[in-house]
C-alpha atoms as a PDB file:
ATOM      1  CA  MET A   1      -3.395  11.697  -6.780  1.00  0.00           C
ATOM      2  CA  LYS A   2      -5.424  11.277  -9.935  1.00  0.00           C
ATOM      3  CA  LEU A   3      -6.815   7.832  -9.121  1.00  0.00           C
ATOM      4  CA  THR A   4      -9.587   8.242 -11.679  1.00  0.00           C
ATOM      5  CA  ALA A   5      -6.984   7.789 -14.433  1.00  0.00           C
ATOM      6  CA  PHE A   6      -6.202   4.315 -13.105  1.00  0.00           C
ATOM      7  CA  ASN A   7      -9.713   2.969 -12.481  1.00  0.00           C
ATOM      8  CA  GLU A   8     -10.001   0.957 -15.701  1.00  0.00           C
ATOM      9  CA  PRO A   9      -6.386  -0.320 -15.821  1.00  0.00           C
ATOM     10  CA  LEU A  10      -6.646  -1.401 -12.180  1.00  0.00           C
ATOM     11  CA  LEU A  11      -9.969  -3.160 -12.730  1.00  0.00           C
ATOM     12  CA  ASN A  12      -8.541  -5.034 -15.726  1.00  0.00           C
ATOM     13  CA  TRP A  13      -5.471  -6.015 -13.696  1.00  0.00           C
ATOM     14  CA  VAL A  14      -7.529  -7.176 -10.704  1.00  0.00           C
ATOM     15  CA  LYS A  15      -9.712  -9.343 -12.956  1.00  0.00           C
ATOM     16  CA  GLU A  16      -6.535 -11.151 -14.086  1.00  0.00           C
ATOM     17  CA  GLN A  17      -5.580 -12.118 -10.509  1.00  0.00           C
ATOM     18  CA  ASN A  18      -6.690 -15.716 -10.096  1.00  0.00           C
ATOM     19  CA  SER A  19      -4.684 -16.581  -6.978  1.00  0.00           C
ATOM     20  CA  TRP A  20      -5.970 -13.801  -4.714  1.00  0.00           C
ATOM     21  CA  ARG A  21      -8.197 -14.608  -1.771  1.00  0.00           C
ATOM     22  CA  LEU A  22     -11.856 -14.010  -2.505  1.00  0.00           C
ATOM     23  CA  ASN A  23     -12.189 -11.333   0.195  1.00  0.00           C
ATOM     24  CA  VAL A  24      -9.320  -9.339  -1.350  1.00  0.00           C
ATOM     25  CA  THR A  25     -10.692  -9.623  -4.883  1.00  0.00           C
ATOM     26  CA  ASN A  26     -14.243  -8.730  -3.824  1.00  0.00           C
ATOM     27  CA  PHE A  27     -13.157  -5.803  -1.640  1.00  0.00           C
ATOM     28  CA  THR A  28     -10.955  -4.338  -4.381  1.00  0.00           C
ATOM     29  CA  THR A  29     -13.416  -4.969  -7.210  1.00  0.00           C
ATOM     30  CA  ARG A  30     -16.200  -3.253  -5.253  1.00  0.00           C
ATOM     31  CA  TYR A  31     -14.065  -0.097  -4.882  1.00  0.00           C
ATOM     32  CA  LEU A  32     -13.179  -0.093  -8.569  1.00  0.00           C
ATOM     33  CA  GLU A  33     -16.682  -0.811  -9.851  1.00  0.00           C
ATOM     34  CA  ASP A  34     -18.015   2.050  -7.690  1.00  0.00           C
ATOM     35  CA  GLY A  35     -15.444   4.303  -9.380  1.00  0.00           C
ATOM     36  CA  LEU A  36     -12.327   5.742  -7.829  1.00  0.00           C
ATOM     37  CA  ARG A  37     -12.100   9.380  -6.831  1.00  0.00           C
ATOM     38  CA  ASP A  38      -9.008  11.550  -6.905  1.00  0.00           C
ATOM     39  CA  ARG A  39      -7.408  12.005  -3.466  1.00  0.00           C
ATOM     40  CA  ALA A  40      -5.187  14.618  -1.913  1.00  0.00           C
ATOM     41  CA  ILE A  41      -1.812  13.240  -0.822  1.00  0.00           C
ATOM     42  CA  THR A  42      -1.042  15.995   1.676  1.00  0.00           C
ATOM     43  CA  ARG A  43      -2.335  16.988   5.076  1.00  0.00           C
ATOM     44  CA  ASP A  44      -2.169  20.175   7.121  1.00  0.00           C
ATOM     45  CA  ILE A  45      -0.375  18.668  10.099  1.00  0.00           C
ATOM     46  CA  GLU A  46       2.886  19.417  11.908  1.00  0.00           C
ATOM     47  CA  TRP A  47       4.460  15.942  11.847  1.00  0.00           C
ATOM     48  CA  GLY A  48       5.454  13.789   8.894  1.00  0.00           C
ATOM     49  CA  ILE A  49       7.399  14.224   5.701  1.00  0.00           C
ATOM     50  CA  PRO A  50       7.384  17.815   4.418  1.00  0.00           C
ATOM     51  CA  VAL A  51       6.297  18.341   0.815  1.00  0.00           C
ATOM     52  CA  PRO A  52       9.516  19.250  -1.028  1.00  0.00           C
ATOM     53  CA  VAL A  53       7.906  21.994  -3.120  1.00  0.00           C
ATOM     54  CA  LYS A  54       8.333  25.730  -2.629  1.00  0.00           C
ATOM     55  CA  GLY A  55       5.198  27.212  -1.120  1.00  0.00           C
ATOM     56  CA  TYR A  56       4.081  23.919   0.439  1.00  0.00           C
ATOM     57  CA  GLU A  57       6.544  23.785   3.356  1.00  0.00           C
ATOM     58  CA  GLN A  58       3.706  23.576   5.909  1.00  0.00           C
ATOM     59  CA  LYS A  59       2.086  20.582   4.190  1.00  0.00           C
ATOM     60  CA  ARG A  60       3.014  16.973   4.954  1.00  0.00           C
ATOM     61  CA  LEU A  61       2.729  13.897   2.759  1.00  0.00           C
ATOM     62  CA  TYR A  62      -0.057  11.739   4.089  1.00  0.00           C
ATOM     63  CA  VAL A  63       1.108   8.419   5.498  1.00  0.00           C
ATOM     64  CA  TRP A  64      -0.935   6.186   3.172  1.00  0.00           C
ATOM     65  CA  PHE A  65       0.863   7.751   0.236  1.00  0.00           C
ATOM     66  CA  GLU A  66       4.430   7.880   1.502  1.00  0.00           C
ATOM     67  CA  ALA A  67       4.465   4.584   3.418  1.00  0.00           C
ATOM     68  CA  VAL A  68       4.009   2.352   0.382  1.00  0.00           C
ATOM     69  CA  ILE A  69       6.723   4.254  -1.494  1.00  0.00           C
ATOM     70  CA  GLY A  70       9.046   2.831   1.173  1.00  0.00           C
ATOM     71  CA  TYR A  71       8.895  -0.572  -0.522  1.00  0.00           C
ATOM     72  CA  LEU A  72      10.633   0.836  -3.587  1.00  0.00           C
ATOM     73  CA  SER A  73      12.856   3.395  -1.873  1.00  0.00           C
ATOM     74  CA  ALA A  74      14.106   0.834   0.684  1.00  0.00           C
ATOM     75  CA  THR A  75      15.033  -1.499  -2.169  1.00  0.00           C
ATOM     76  CA  LYS A  76      16.924   1.303  -3.898  1.00  0.00           C
ATOM     77  CA  GLU A  77      18.680   2.203  -0.640  1.00  0.00           C
ATOM     78  CA  TRP A  78      19.615  -1.453  -0.108  1.00  0.00           C
ATOM     79  CA  ALA A  79      21.015  -1.665  -3.661  1.00  0.00           C
ATOM     80  CA  GLN A  80      23.139   1.441  -3.003  1.00  0.00           C
ATOM     81  CA  SER A  81      24.468  -0.090   0.231  1.00  0.00           C
ATOM     82  CA  THR A  82      25.549  -3.275  -1.589  1.00  0.00           C
ATOM     83  CA  GLY A  83      27.656  -1.284  -4.036  1.00  0.00           C
ATOM     84  CA  ASP A  84      25.371  -2.228  -6.937  1.00  0.00           C
ATOM     85  CA  PRO A  85      22.948   0.714  -7.268  1.00  0.00           C
ATOM     86  CA  GLU A  86      21.029  -0.955 -10.103  1.00  0.00           C
ATOM     87  CA  LYS A  87      20.374  -4.202  -8.181  1.00  0.00           C
ATOM     88  CA  TRP A  88      16.893  -2.965  -7.178  1.00  0.00           C
ATOM     89  CA  ARG A  89      15.793  -3.604 -10.773  1.00  0.00           C
ATOM     90  CA  ASP A  90      16.067  -7.388 -10.208  1.00  0.00           C
ATOM     91  CA  PHE A  91      13.062  -7.128  -7.916  1.00  0.00           C
ATOM     92  CA  TRP A  92      11.029  -4.346  -9.466  1.00  0.00           C
ATOM     93  CA  GLN A  93      11.583  -4.887 -13.188  1.00  0.00           C
ATOM     94  CA  LYS A  94      12.388  -8.559 -13.705  1.00  0.00           C
ATOM     95  CA  ASP A  95      10.428 -11.769 -13.183  1.00  0.00           C
ATOM     96  CA  CYS A  96       9.913 -11.397  -9.445  1.00  0.00           C
ATOM     97  CA  HIS A  97       6.756 -11.773  -7.354  1.00  0.00           C
ATOM     98  CA  SER A  98       5.935  -9.555  -4.395  1.00  0.00           C
ATOM     99  CA  TYR A  99       3.543 -10.576  -1.629  1.00  0.00           C
ATOM    100  CA  TYR A 100       1.971  -8.141   0.819  1.00  0.00           C
ATOM    101  CA  PHE A 101       0.655  -9.785   4.005  1.00  0.00           C
ATOM    102  CA  MET A 102      -1.702  -7.591   6.034  1.00  0.00           C
ATOM    103  CA  GLY A 103      -5.067  -7.109   7.644  1.00  0.00           C
ATOM    104  CA  LYS A 104      -8.258  -6.043   5.930  1.00  0.00           C
ATOM    105  CA  ASP A 105      -7.786  -2.335   6.676  1.00  0.00           C
ATOM    106  CA  ASN A 106      -4.751  -2.117   4.365  1.00  0.00           C
ATOM    107  CA  ILE A 107      -6.109  -4.004   1.349  1.00  0.00           C
ATOM    108  CA  ALA A 108      -7.018  -0.872  -0.631  1.00  0.00           C
ATOM    109  CA  PHE A 109      -3.567   0.633  -0.173  1.00  0.00           C
ATOM    110  CA  HIS A 110      -1.934  -2.481  -1.653  1.00  0.00           C
ATOM    111  CA  THR A 111      -4.443  -3.372  -4.374  1.00  0.00           C
ATOM    112  CA  ILE A 112      -5.387   0.159  -5.506  1.00  0.00           C
ATOM    113  CA  ILE A 113      -3.136   2.983  -4.244  1.00  0.00           C
ATOM    114  CA  TRP A 114       0.263   1.253  -4.525  1.00  0.00           C
ATOM    115  CA  PRO A 115      -0.473  -0.434  -7.880  1.00  0.00           C
ATOM    116  CA  ALA A 116      -1.740   2.904  -9.278  1.00  0.00           C
ATOM    117  CA  MET A 117       1.507   4.542  -8.193  1.00  0.00           C
ATOM    118  CA  LEU A 118       3.519   1.745  -9.825  1.00  0.00           C
ATOM    119  CA  MET A 119       1.456   1.996 -13.015  1.00  0.00           C
ATOM    120  CA  GLY A 120       1.951   5.753 -13.035  1.00  0.00           C
ATOM    121  CA  TYR A 121       5.713   5.377 -12.772  1.00  0.00           C
ATOM    122  CA  GLY A 122       5.672   2.643 -15.424  1.00  0.00           C
ATOM    123  CA  GLY A 123       7.729  -0.473 -15.977  1.00  0.00           C
ATOM    124  CA  LEU A 124       7.573  -1.777 -12.397  1.00  0.00           C
ATOM    125  CA  ASN A 125       6.160  -5.065 -11.123  1.00  0.00           C
ATOM    126  CA  LEU A 126       2.706  -4.850  -9.596  1.00  0.00           C
ATOM    127  CA  PRO A 127       1.860  -6.827  -6.446  1.00  0.00           C
ATOM    128  CA  PHE A 128       1.662 -10.525  -7.204  1.00  0.00           C
ATOM    129  CA  ASP A 129      -0.511 -11.380  -4.223  1.00  0.00           C
ATOM    130  CA  VAL A 130      -2.068  -9.607  -1.259  1.00  0.00           C
ATOM    131  CA  PRO A 131      -3.030 -12.434   1.109  1.00  0.00           C
ATOM    132  CA  ALA A 132      -4.990 -10.278   3.554  1.00  0.00           C
ATOM    133  CA  ASN A 133      -7.196 -11.580   6.314  1.00  0.00           C
ATOM    134  CA  GLU A 134     -10.333 -10.196   7.844  1.00  0.00           C
ATOM    135  CA  PHE A 135     -10.098  -8.086  11.005  1.00  0.00           C
ATOM    136  CA  MET A 136      -8.842  -9.895  14.084  1.00  0.00           C
ATOM    137  CA  THR A 137     -11.238  -9.769  16.999  1.00  0.00           C
ATOM    138  CA  ILE A 138     -11.290 -10.414  20.730  1.00  0.00           C
ATOM    139  CA  GLU A 139     -14.661 -11.261  22.266  1.00  0.00           C
ATOM    140  CA  GLY A 140     -16.331 -10.208  19.018  1.00  0.00           C
ATOM    141  CA  LYS A 141     -14.818  -6.706  18.929  1.00  0.00           C
ATOM    142  CA  LYS A 142     -12.206  -5.566  16.395  1.00  0.00           C
ATOM    143  CA  ILE A 143      -8.707  -5.392  17.843  1.00  0.00           C
ATOM    144  CA  SER A 144      -7.622  -1.768  18.137  1.00  0.00           C
ATOM    145  CA  THR A 145      -4.601  -0.487  20.005  1.00  0.00           C
ATOM    146  CA  SER A 146      -5.942   3.066  19.789  1.00  0.00           C
ATOM    147  CA  ARG A 147      -9.092   1.916  21.593  1.00  0.00           C
ATOM    148  CA  ASN A 148      -7.029  -0.090  24.088  1.00  0.00           C
ATOM    149  CA  TRP A 149      -8.605  -3.350  22.883  1.00  0.00           C
ATOM    150  CA  ALA A 150      -5.705  -5.662  22.128  1.00  0.00           C
ATOM    151  CA  VAL A 151      -3.492  -8.393  23.472  1.00  0.00           C
ATOM    152  CA  TRP A 152      -0.479  -6.590  24.876  1.00  0.00           C
ATOM    153  CA  MET A 153       2.873  -8.364  24.725  1.00  0.00           C
ATOM    154  CA  PRO A 154       3.657  -8.019  28.461  1.00  0.00           C
ATOM    155  CA  ASP A 155       0.283  -9.642  29.249  1.00  0.00           C
ATOM    156  CA  TYR A 156       0.884 -12.355  26.672  1.00  0.00           C
ATOM    157  CA  PHE A 157       4.268 -13.223  28.146  1.00  0.00           C
ATOM    158  CA  LYS A 158       2.773 -13.423  31.674  1.00  0.00           C
END
């Protein structure tokens, strides 16, 4: 993904966001002022979505790239299921605001990667707000299910 082509447009857009939380604005601005680098969107792994291009059958789309596309594709799928295949445009091309609630580790995907993809496609609404929080902690350590440091639902219900 040629992120370098979107550095300046993204920085200009971020500077216009006056309702974003300070941590989101600062985090995003720091990335952009340091200068974006182009990123590969595929991985050499066995699981995931295959790249639909001849010669790349063994490659998979990397999750950070394909997951955010789900926002748009799910809306298009929903519109199809309602019998009005153009209904998705009410959300993505008209006066509609999208909010993306998440933790700190996903800010860049929703203030840089996803908006760059939307800008690249053209004519689609960019995120209106990304009210992200800092990392949640327990006893001063970042919550991480992969490190087995979390509040598990069965324990919570007990």
